[in-house]
Amino acid sequence: MGDPNAPESFSIWGINVSKTDPDVISKVKTGVLVGEEIEGISAVGGSSPNSMVATDNFVYASNGNNDDISVIDVKQNKVVESITLKIDNRLVI
């Protein structure tokens, strides 16, 4: 089906809709790449960005398979921070 690390897969696409014919202006990879080592283990699935919130300067995307949130700078069209989600200690038995 193709390279899972290609810009077209597991990415967030920026689309300029201000024109009559909208066009793609960016493709931003989020989360962990397939094959990238995390805590000594190679990732076998893509990041699966699924929920987003946008402000004037940033897009926050949750990555379903990575338990993190990518912070994308919309002016640079790149991930500038990754926020790791962790279980609150009060929930650990």
PDB file of N, CA and C in Angstrom:
ATOM      1  N   MET A   1       0.809  -1.189   0.000  1.00  0.00           N
ATOM      2  CA  MET A   1       0.000   0.000   0.000  1.00  0.00           C
ATOM      3  C   MET A   1       0.856   1.259   0.000  1.00  0.00           C
ATOM      4  N   GLY A   2       2.163   1.094   0.099  1.00  0.00           N
ATOM      5  CA  GLY A   2       3.035   2.264   0.080  1.00  0.00           C
ATOM      6  C   GLY A   2       3.798   2.430   1.368  1.00  0.00           C
ATOM      7  N   ASP A   3       4.701   3.383   1.351  1.00  0.00           N
ATOM      8  CA  ASP A   3       5.562   3.681   2.491  1.00  0.00           C
ATOM      9  C   ASP A   3       4.760   4.364   3.597  1.00  0.00           C
ATOM     10  N   PRO A   4       4.698   3.781   4.803  1.00  0.00           N
ATOM     11  CA  PRO A   4       3.937   4.405   5.881  1.00  0.00           C
ATOM     12  C   PRO A   4       4.562   5.698   6.387  1.00  0.00           C
ATOM     13  N   ASN A   5       5.830   5.948   6.007  1.00  0.00           N
ATOM     14  CA  ASN A   5       6.496   7.185   6.427  1.00  0.00           C
ATOM     15  C   ASN A   5       6.507   8.251   5.329  1.00  0.00           C
ATOM     16  N   ALA A   6       5.811   7.989   4.233  1.00  0.00           N
ATOM     17  CA  ALA A   6       5.698   8.984   3.162  1.00  0.00           C
ATOM     18  C   ALA A   6       4.898  10.186   3.668  1.00  0.00           C
ATOM     19  N   PRO A   7       5.139  11.364   3.116  1.00  0.00           N
ATOM     20  CA  PRO A   7       4.410  12.560   3.569  1.00  0.00           C
ATOM     21  C   PRO A   7       2.892  12.443   3.460  1.00  0.00           C
ATOM     22  N   GLU A   8       2.404  11.589   2.569  1.00  0.00           N
ATOM     23  CA  GLU A   8       0.960  11.453   2.373  1.00  0.00           C
ATOM     24  C   GLU A   8       0.277  10.591   3.434  1.00  0.00           C
ATOM     25  N   SER A   9       1.051   9.789   4.174  1.00  0.00           N
ATOM     26  CA  SER A   9       0.434   8.868   5.136  1.00  0.00           C
ATOM     27  C   SER A   9       0.669   9.328   6.572  1.00  0.00           C
ATOM     28  N   PHE A  10      -0.338   9.105   7.408  1.00  0.00           N
ATOM     29  CA  PHE A  10      -0.272   9.471   8.827  1.00  0.00           C
ATOM     30  C   PHE A  10       0.165  10.928   9.003  1.00  0.00           C
ATOM     31  N   SER A  11      -0.331  11.824   8.176  1.00  0.00           N
ATOM     32  CA  SER A  11       0.050  13.232   8.198  1.00  0.00           C
ATOM     33  C   SER A  11      -1.179  14.124   8.305  1.00  0.00           C
ATOM     34  N   ILE A  12      -0.928  15.347   8.681  1.00  0.00           N
ATOM     35  CA  ILE A  12      -1.976  16.376   8.662  1.00  0.00           C
ATOM     36  C   ILE A  12      -1.691  17.278   7.474  1.00  0.00           C
ATOM     37  N   TRP A  13      -2.694  17.452   6.646  1.00  0.00           N
ATOM     38  CA  TRP A  13      -2.545  18.247   5.439  1.00  0.00           C
ATOM     39  C   TRP A  13      -3.118  19.642   5.660  1.00  0.00           C
ATOM     40  N   GLY A  14      -2.357  20.648   5.253  1.00  0.00           N
ATOM     41  CA  GLY A  14      -2.853  22.022   5.250  1.00  0.00           C
ATOM     42  C   GLY A  14      -3.384  22.332   3.858  1.00  0.00           C
ATOM     43  N   ILE A  15      -4.595  22.868   3.791  1.00  0.00           N
ATOM     44  CA  ILE A  15      -5.214  23.152   2.495  1.00  0.00           C
ATOM     45  C   ILE A  15      -5.663  24.603   2.468  1.00  0.00           C
ATOM     46  N   ASN A  16      -5.247  25.313   1.436  1.00  0.00           N
ATOM     47  CA  ASN A  16      -5.652  26.698   1.246  1.00  0.00           C
ATOM     48  C   ASN A  16      -7.010  26.697   0.552  1.00  0.00           C
ATOM     49  N   VAL A  17      -8.042  27.108   1.293  1.00  0.00           N
ATOM     50  CA  VAL A  17      -9.397  27.110   0.736  1.00  0.00           C
ATOM     51  C   VAL A  17      -9.859  28.518   0.339  1.00  0.00           C
ATOM     52  N   SER A  18      -8.924  29.470   0.335  1.00  0.00           N
ATOM     53  CA  SER A  18      -9.303  30.841  -0.001  1.00  0.00           C
ATOM     54  C   SER A  18      -9.404  31.065  -1.512  1.00  0.00           C
ATOM     55  N   LYS A  19      -8.954  30.113  -2.292  1.00  0.00           N
ATOM     56  CA  LYS A  19      -9.007  30.224  -3.748  1.00  0.00           C
ATOM     57  C   LYS A  19     -10.199  29.442  -4.293  1.00  0.00           C
ATOM     58  N   THR A  20     -10.509  29.675  -5.548  1.00  0.00           N
ATOM     59  CA  THR A  20     -11.576  28.927  -6.206  1.00  0.00           C
ATOM     60  C   THR A  20     -11.242  27.441  -6.245  1.00  0.00           C
ATOM     61  N   ASP A  21      -9.976  27.133  -6.548  1.00  0.00           N
ATOM     62  CA  ASP A  21      -9.503  25.750  -6.561  1.00  0.00           C
ATOM     63  C   ASP A  21      -8.576  25.552  -5.366  1.00  0.00           C
ATOM     64  N   PRO A  22      -9.070  24.963  -4.264  1.00  0.00           N
ATOM     65  CA  PRO A  22      -8.228  24.744  -3.085  1.00  0.00           C
ATOM     66  C   PRO A  22      -6.987  23.928  -3.440  1.00  0.00           C
ATOM     67  N   ASP A  23      -5.865  24.216  -2.766  1.00  0.00           N
ATOM     68  CA  ASP A  23      -4.657  23.455  -3.017  1.00  0.00           C
ATOM     69  C   ASP A  23      -3.952  23.111  -1.703  1.00  0.00           C
ATOM     70  N   VAL A  24      -3.201  22.012  -1.742  1.00  0.00           N
ATOM     71  CA  VAL A  24      -2.456  21.542  -0.584  1.00  0.00           C
ATOM     72  C   VAL A  24      -1.233  22.441  -0.410  1.00  0.00           C
ATOM     73  N   ILE A  25      -1.069  22.986   0.806  1.00  0.00           N
ATOM     74  CA  ILE A  25       0.069  23.865   1.069  1.00  0.00           C
ATOM     75  C   ILE A  25       1.082  23.238   2.023  1.00  0.00           C
ATOM     76  N   SER A  26       0.687  22.155   2.713  1.00  0.00           N
ATOM     77  CA  SER A  26       1.642  21.481   3.604  1.00  0.00           C
ATOM     78  C   SER A  26       1.164  20.077   3.921  1.00  0.00           C
ATOM     79  N   LYS A  27       2.141  19.234   4.264  1.00  0.00           N
ATOM     80  CA  LYS A  27       1.885  17.884   4.776  1.00  0.00           C
ATOM     81  C   LYS A  27       2.837  17.714   5.950  1.00  0.00           C
ATOM     82  N   VAL A  28       2.281  17.595   7.145  1.00  0.00           N
ATOM     83  CA  VAL A  28       3.106  17.547   8.353  1.00  0.00           C
ATOM     84  C   VAL A  28       2.964  16.180   9.002  1.00  0.00           C
ATOM     85  N   LYS A  29       4.097  15.477   9.147  1.00  0.00           N
ATOM     86  CA  LYS A  29       4.115  14.194   9.846  1.00  0.00           C
ATOM     87  C   LYS A  29       4.016  14.470  11.340  1.00  0.00           C
ATOM     88  N   THR A  30       3.186  13.708  12.027  1.00  0.00           N
ATOM     89  CA  THR A  30       3.056  13.852  13.472  1.00  0.00           C
ATOM     90  C   THR A  30       3.408  12.529  14.138  1.00  0.00           C
ATOM     91  N   GLY A  31       3.749  12.591  15.408  1.00  0.00           N
ATOM     92  CA  GLY A  31       3.991  11.378  16.180  1.00  0.00           C
ATOM     93  C   GLY A  31       5.221  10.614  15.749  1.00  0.00           C
ATOM     94  N   VAL A  32       5.223   9.345  16.100  1.00  0.00           N
ATOM     95  CA  VAL A  32       6.362   8.456  15.884  1.00  0.00           C
ATOM     96  C   VAL A  32       6.286   7.839  14.491  1.00  0.00           C
ATOM     97  N   LEU A  33       7.414   7.805  13.791  1.00  0.00           N
ATOM     98  CA  LEU A  33       7.468   7.173  12.481  1.00  0.00           C
ATOM     99  C   LEU A  33       7.526   5.657  12.635  1.00  0.00           C
ATOM    100  N   VAL A  34       7.006   4.926  11.651  1.00  0.00           N
ATOM    101  CA  VAL A  34       7.095   3.470  11.654  1.00  0.00           C
ATOM    102  C   VAL A  34       8.578   3.101  11.588  1.00  0.00           C
ATOM    103  N   GLY A  35       8.997   2.228  12.522  1.00  0.00           N
ATOM    104  CA  GLY A  35      10.394   1.799  12.575  1.00  0.00           C
ATOM    105  C   GLY A  35      11.253   2.607  13.537  1.00  0.00           C
ATOM    106  N   GLU A  36      10.757   3.776  13.954  1.00  0.00           N
ATOM    107  CA  GLU A  36      11.509   4.606  14.894  1.00  0.00           C
ATOM    108  C   GLU A  36      11.518   3.934  16.261  1.00  0.00           C
ATOM    109  N   GLU A  37      12.679   3.964  16.929  1.00  0.00           N
ATOM    110  CA  GLU A  37      12.776   3.334  18.244  1.00  0.00           C
ATOM    111  C   GLU A  37      12.271   4.257  19.339  1.00  0.00           C
ATOM    112  N   ILE A  38      11.374   3.708  20.157  1.00  0.00           N
ATOM    113  CA  ILE A  38      10.827   4.409  21.319  1.00  0.00           C
ATOM    114  C   ILE A  38      11.011   3.481  22.507  1.00  0.00           C
ATOM    115  N   GLU A  39      11.732   3.946  23.490  1.00  0.00           N
ATOM    116  CA  GLU A  39      12.011   3.148  24.691  1.00  0.00           C
ATOM    117  C   GLU A  39      12.566   1.774  24.323  1.00  0.00           C
ATOM    118  N   GLY A  40      13.450   1.731  23.311  1.00  0.00           N
ATOM    119  CA  GLY A  40      14.113   0.500  22.916  1.00  0.00           C
ATOM    120  C   GLY A  40      13.302  -0.444  22.046  1.00  0.00           C
ATOM    121  N   ILE A  41      12.120  -0.025  21.609  1.00  0.00           N
ATOM    122  CA  ILE A  41      11.270  -0.870  20.786  1.00  0.00           C
ATOM    123  C   ILE A  41      10.931  -0.129  19.499  1.00  0.00           C
ATOM    124  N   SER A  42      11.022  -0.819  18.362  1.00  0.00           N
ATOM    125  CA  SER A  42      10.682  -0.210  17.074  1.00  0.00           C
ATOM    126  C   SER A  42       9.168  -0.088  16.940  1.00  0.00           C
ATOM    127  N   ALA A  43       8.717   1.091  16.542  1.00  0.00           N
ATOM    128  CA  ALA A  43       7.285   1.320  16.329  1.00  0.00           C
ATOM    129  C   ALA A  43       6.825   0.533  15.113  1.00  0.00           C
ATOM    130  N   VAL A  44       5.681  -0.140  15.240  1.00  0.00           N
ATOM    131  CA  VAL A  44       5.154  -0.936  14.132  1.00  0.00           C
ATOM    132  C   VAL A  44       3.930  -0.302  13.485  1.00  0.00           C
ATOM    133  N   GLY A  45       3.386   0.747  14.104  1.00  0.00           N
ATOM    134  CA  GLY A  45       2.220   1.431  13.541  1.00  0.00           C
ATOM    135  C   GLY A  45       2.479   2.916  13.425  1.00  0.00           C
ATOM    136  N   GLY A  46       1.773   3.556  12.532  1.00  0.00           N
ATOM    137  CA  GLY A  46       1.919   5.004  12.365  1.00  0.00           C
ATOM    138  C   GLY A  46       1.249   5.762  13.498  1.00  0.00           C
ATOM    139  N   SER A  47       1.407   7.061  13.498  1.00  0.00           N
ATOM    140  CA  SER A  47       0.934   7.896  14.604  1.00  0.00           C
ATOM    141  C   SER A  47      -0.581   8.023  14.662  1.00  0.00           C
ATOM    142  N   SER A  48      -1.236   7.915  13.545  1.00  0.00           N
ATOM    143  CA  SER A  48      -2.696   8.009  13.473  1.00  0.00           C
ATOM    144  C   SER A  48      -3.244   9.298  14.095  1.00  0.00           C
ATOM    145  N   PRO A  49      -2.866  10.472  13.535  1.00  0.00           N
ATOM    146  CA  PRO A  49      -3.447  11.713  14.057  1.00  0.00           C
ATOM    147  C   PRO A  49      -4.956  11.685  13.843  1.00  0.00           C
ATOM    148  N   ASN A  50      -5.719  11.997  14.905  1.00  0.00           N
ATOM    149  CA  ASN A  50      -7.161  11.838  14.745  1.00  0.00           C
ATOM    150  C   ASN A  50      -8.007  13.001  15.228  1.00  0.00           C
ATOM    151  N   SER A  51      -7.620  13.701  16.239  1.00  0.00           N
ATOM    152  CA  SER A  51      -8.412  14.844  16.708  1.00  0.00           C
ATOM    153  C   SER A  51      -7.534  16.083  16.714  1.00  0.00           C
ATOM    154  N   MET A  52      -8.115  17.212  16.297  1.00  0.00           N
ATOM    155  CA  MET A  52      -7.321  18.437  16.210  1.00  0.00           C
ATOM    156  C   MET A  52      -8.070  19.620  16.793  1.00  0.00           C
ATOM    157  N   VAL A  53      -7.283  20.570  17.305  1.00  0.00           N
ATOM    158  CA  VAL A  53      -7.787  21.864  17.732  1.00  0.00           C
ATOM    159  C   VAL A  53      -6.848  22.890  17.117  1.00  0.00           C
ATOM    160  N   ALA A  54      -7.394  23.936  16.530  1.00  0.00           N
ATOM    161  CA  ALA A  54      -6.566  24.945  15.874  1.00  0.00           C
ATOM    162  C   ALA A  54      -6.758  26.315  16.506  1.00  0.00           C
ATOM    163  N   THR A  55      -5.643  27.042  16.612  1.00  0.00           N
ATOM    164  CA  THR A  55      -5.668  28.444  17.014  1.00  0.00           C
ATOM    165  C   THR A  55      -5.074  29.236  15.854  1.00  0.00           C
ATOM    166  N   ASP A  56      -4.867  30.524  16.041  1.00  0.00           N
ATOM    167  CA  ASP A  56      -4.255  31.326  14.978  1.00  0.00           C
ATOM    168  C   ASP A  56      -2.815  30.905  14.702  1.00  0.00           C
ATOM    169  N   ASN A  57      -2.123  30.365  15.719  1.00  0.00           N
ATOM    170  CA  ASN A  57      -0.702  30.065  15.585  1.00  0.00           C
ATOM    171  C   ASN A  57      -0.338  28.588  15.604  1.00  0.00           C
ATOM    172  N   PHE A  58      -1.199  27.763  16.194  1.00  0.00           N
ATOM    173  CA  PHE A  58      -0.847  26.359  16.374  1.00  0.00           C
ATOM    174  C   PHE A  58      -2.029  25.436  16.068  1.00  0.00           C
ATOM    175  N   VAL A  59      -1.680  24.208  15.681  1.00  0.00           N
ATOM    176  CA  VAL A  59      -2.644  23.119  15.591  1.00  0.00           C
ATOM    177  C   VAL A  59      -2.161  22.056  16.570  1.00  0.00           C
ATOM    178  N   TYR A  60      -3.074  21.586  17.414  1.00  0.00           N
ATOM    179  CA  TYR A  60      -2.779  20.538  18.387  1.00  0.00           C
ATOM    180  C   TYR A  60      -3.458  19.271  17.882  1.00  0.00           C
ATOM    181  N   ALA A  61      -2.666  18.214  17.652  1.00  0.00           N
ATOM    182  CA  ALA A  61      -3.200  16.978  17.102  1.00  0.00           C
ATOM    183  C   ALA A  61      -2.906  15.810  18.030  1.00  0.00           C
ATOM    184  N   SER A  62      -3.958  15.085  18.414  1.00  0.00           N
ATOM    185  CA  SER A  62      -3.732  13.882  19.212  1.00  0.00           C
ATOM    186  C   SER A  62      -3.343  12.748  18.265  1.00  0.00           C
ATOM    187  N   ASN A  63      -2.369  11.966  18.691  1.00  0.00           N
ATOM    188  CA  ASN A  63      -1.876  10.842  17.898  1.00  0.00           C
ATOM    189  C   ASN A  63      -2.307   9.556  18.573  1.00  0.00           C
ATOM    190  N   GLY A  64      -3.327   8.933  18.004  1.00  0.00           N
ATOM    191  CA  GLY A  64      -3.991   7.801  18.626  1.00  0.00           C
ATOM    192  C   GLY A  64      -3.111   6.630  18.988  1.00  0.00           C
ATOM    193  N   ASN A  65      -2.124   6.298  18.188  1.00  0.00           N
ATOM    194  CA  ASN A  65      -1.279   5.139  18.477  1.00  0.00           C
ATOM    195  C   ASN A  65      -0.046   5.499  19.287  1.00  0.00           C
ATOM    196  N   ASN A  66       0.163   6.771  19.575  1.00  0.00           N
ATOM    197  CA  ASN A  66       1.388   7.194  20.256  1.00  0.00           C
ATOM    198  C   ASN A  66       1.159   7.765  21.646  1.00  0.00           C
ATOM    199  N   ASP A  67      -0.078   7.955  22.039  1.00  0.00           N
ATOM    200  CA  ASP A  67      -0.384   8.551  23.340  1.00  0.00           C
ATOM    201  C   ASP A  67       0.351   9.873  23.535  1.00  0.00           C
ATOM    202  N   ASP A  68       0.273  10.716  22.520  1.00  0.00           N
ATOM    203  CA  ASP A  68       0.863  12.048  22.643  1.00  0.00           C
ATOM    204  C   ASP A  68       0.093  13.052  21.799  1.00  0.00           C
ATOM    205  N   ILE A  69       0.457  14.307  21.977  1.00  0.00           N
ATOM    206  CA  ILE A  69      -0.154  15.398  21.224  1.00  0.00           C
ATOM    207  C   ILE A  69       0.964  16.142  20.509  1.00  0.00           C
ATOM    208  N   SER A  70       0.839  16.310  19.206  1.00  0.00           N
ATOM    209  CA  SER A  70       1.802  17.090  18.432  1.00  0.00           C
ATOM    210  C   SER A  70       1.329  18.534  18.370  1.00  0.00           C
ATOM    211  N   VAL A  71       2.259  19.455  18.613  1.00  0.00           N
ATOM    212  CA  VAL A  71       1.974  20.882  18.494  1.00  0.00           C
ATOM    213  C   VAL A  71       2.631  21.354  17.198  1.00  0.00           C
ATOM    214  N   ILE A  72       1.807  21.805  16.260  1.00  0.00           N
ATOM    215  CA  ILE A  72       2.285  22.222  14.944  1.00  0.00           C
ATOM    216  C   ILE A  72       2.223  23.738  14.847  1.00  0.00           C
ATOM    217  N   ASP A  73       3.351  24.352  14.506  1.00  0.00           N
ATOM    218  CA  ASP A  73       3.400  25.792  14.251  1.00  0.00           C
ATOM    219  C   ASP A  73       2.896  26.006  12.827  1.00  0.00           C
ATOM    220  N   VAL A  74       1.802  26.762  12.667  1.00  0.00           N
ATOM    221  CA  VAL A  74       1.190  26.910  11.344  1.00  0.00           C
ATOM    222  C   VAL A  74       1.996  27.808  10.409  1.00  0.00           C
ATOM    223  N   LYS A  75       2.858  28.641  10.948  1.00  0.00           N
ATOM    224  CA  LYS A  75       3.692  29.492  10.089  1.00  0.00           C
ATOM    225  C   LYS A  75       4.889  28.710   9.546  1.00  0.00           C
ATOM    226  N   GLN A  76       5.409  27.779  10.357  1.00  0.00           N
ATOM    227  CA  GLN A  76       6.558  26.971   9.936  1.00  0.00           C
ATOM    228  C   GLN A  76       6.141  25.643   9.303  1.00  0.00           C
ATOM    229  N   ASN A  77       4.864  25.262   9.485  1.00  0.00           N
ATOM    230  CA  ASN A  77       4.361  23.969   9.003  1.00  0.00           C
ATOM    231  C   ASN A  77       5.226  22.813   9.489  1.00  0.00           C
ATOM    232  N   LYS A  78       5.501  22.825  10.808  1.00  0.00           N
ATOM    233  CA  LYS A  78       6.265  21.715  11.380  1.00  0.00           C
ATOM    234  C   LYS A  78       5.893  21.536  12.840  1.00  0.00           C
ATOM    235  N   VAL A  79       6.151  20.317  13.334  1.00  0.00           N
ATOM    236  CA  VAL A  79       5.912  20.012  14.738  1.00  0.00           C
ATOM    237  C   VAL A  79       6.990  20.700  15.558  1.00  0.00           C
ATOM    238  N   VAL A  80       6.565  21.511  16.527  1.00  0.00           N
ATOM    239  CA  VAL A  80       7.511  22.238  17.376  1.00  0.00           C
ATOM    240  C   VAL A  80       7.576  21.678  18.793  1.00  0.00           C
ATOM    241  N   GLU A  81       6.622  20.813  19.140  1.00  0.00           N
ATOM    242  CA  GLU A  81       6.622  20.206  20.470  1.00  0.00           C
ATOM    243  C   GLU A  81       5.778  18.943  20.438  1.00  0.00           C
ATOM    244  N   SER A  82       6.142  18.003  21.291  1.00  0.00           N
ATOM    245  CA  SER A  82       5.357  16.786  21.469  1.00  0.00           C
ATOM    246  C   SER A  82       5.050  16.657  22.948  1.00  0.00           C
ATOM    247  N   ILE A  83       3.771  16.539  23.279  1.00  0.00           N
ATOM    248  CA  ILE A  83       3.326  16.442  24.665  1.00  0.00           C
ATOM    249  C   ILE A  83       2.943  14.987  24.930  1.00  0.00           C
ATOM    250  N   THR A  84       3.716  14.309  25.778  1.00  0.00           N
ATOM    251  CA  THR A  84       3.446  12.909  26.105  1.00  0.00           C
ATOM    252  C   THR A  84       2.331  12.823  27.131  1.00  0.00           C
ATOM    253  N   LEU A  85       1.361  11.962  26.867  1.00  0.00           N
ATOM    254  CA  LEU A  85       0.268  11.735  27.801  1.00  0.00           C
ATOM    255  C   LEU A  85       0.653  10.598  28.735  1.00  0.00           C
ATOM    256  N   LYS A  86       0.427  10.787  30.011  1.00  0.00           N
ATOM    257  CA  LYS A  86       0.772   9.771  31.003  1.00  0.00           C
ATOM    258  C   LYS A  86      -0.409   9.552  31.933  1.00  0.00           C
ATOM    259  N   ILE A  87      -0.510   8.350  32.437  1.00  0.00           N
ATOM    260  CA  ILE A  87      -1.570   8.029  33.389  1.00  0.00           C
ATOM    261  C   ILE A  87      -1.270   8.729  34.710  1.00  0.00           C
ATOM    262  N   ASP A  88      -2.271   9.359  35.245  1.00  0.00           N
ATOM    263  CA  ASP A  88      -2.143  10.013  36.548  1.00  0.00           C
ATOM    264  C   ASP A  88      -1.865   8.945  37.614  1.00  0.00           C
ATOM    265  N   ASN A  89      -0.895   9.200  38.482  1.00  0.00           N
ATOM    266  CA  ASN A  89      -0.518   8.240  39.529  1.00  0.00           C
ATOM    267  C   ASN A  89      -1.689   7.819  40.398  1.00  0.00           C
ATOM    268  N   ARG A  90      -2.694   8.655  40.538  1.00  0.00           N
ATOM    269  CA  ARG A  90      -3.845   8.290  41.360  1.00  0.00           C
ATOM    270  C   ARG A  90      -4.657   7.163  40.748  1.00  0.00           C
ATOM    271  N   LEU A  91      -4.453   6.891  39.452  1.00  0.00           N
ATOM    272  CA  LEU A  91      -5.188   5.827  38.784  1.00  0.00           C
ATOM    273  C   LEU A  91      -4.436   4.507  38.772  1.00  0.00           C
ATOM    274  N   VAL A  92      -3.161   4.543  39.151  1.00  0.00           N
ATOM    275  CA  VAL A  92      -2.337   3.332  39.139  1.00  0.00           C
ATOM    276  C   VAL A  92      -2.581   2.544  40.417  1.00  0.00           C
ATOM    277  N   ILE A  93      -2.862   1.265  40.260  1.00  0.00           N
ATOM    278  CA  ILE A  93      -3.136   0.420  41.441  1.00  0.00           C
ATOM    279  C   ILE A  93      -1.871  -0.280  41.868  1.00  0.00           C
TER     280      ILE A  93
END
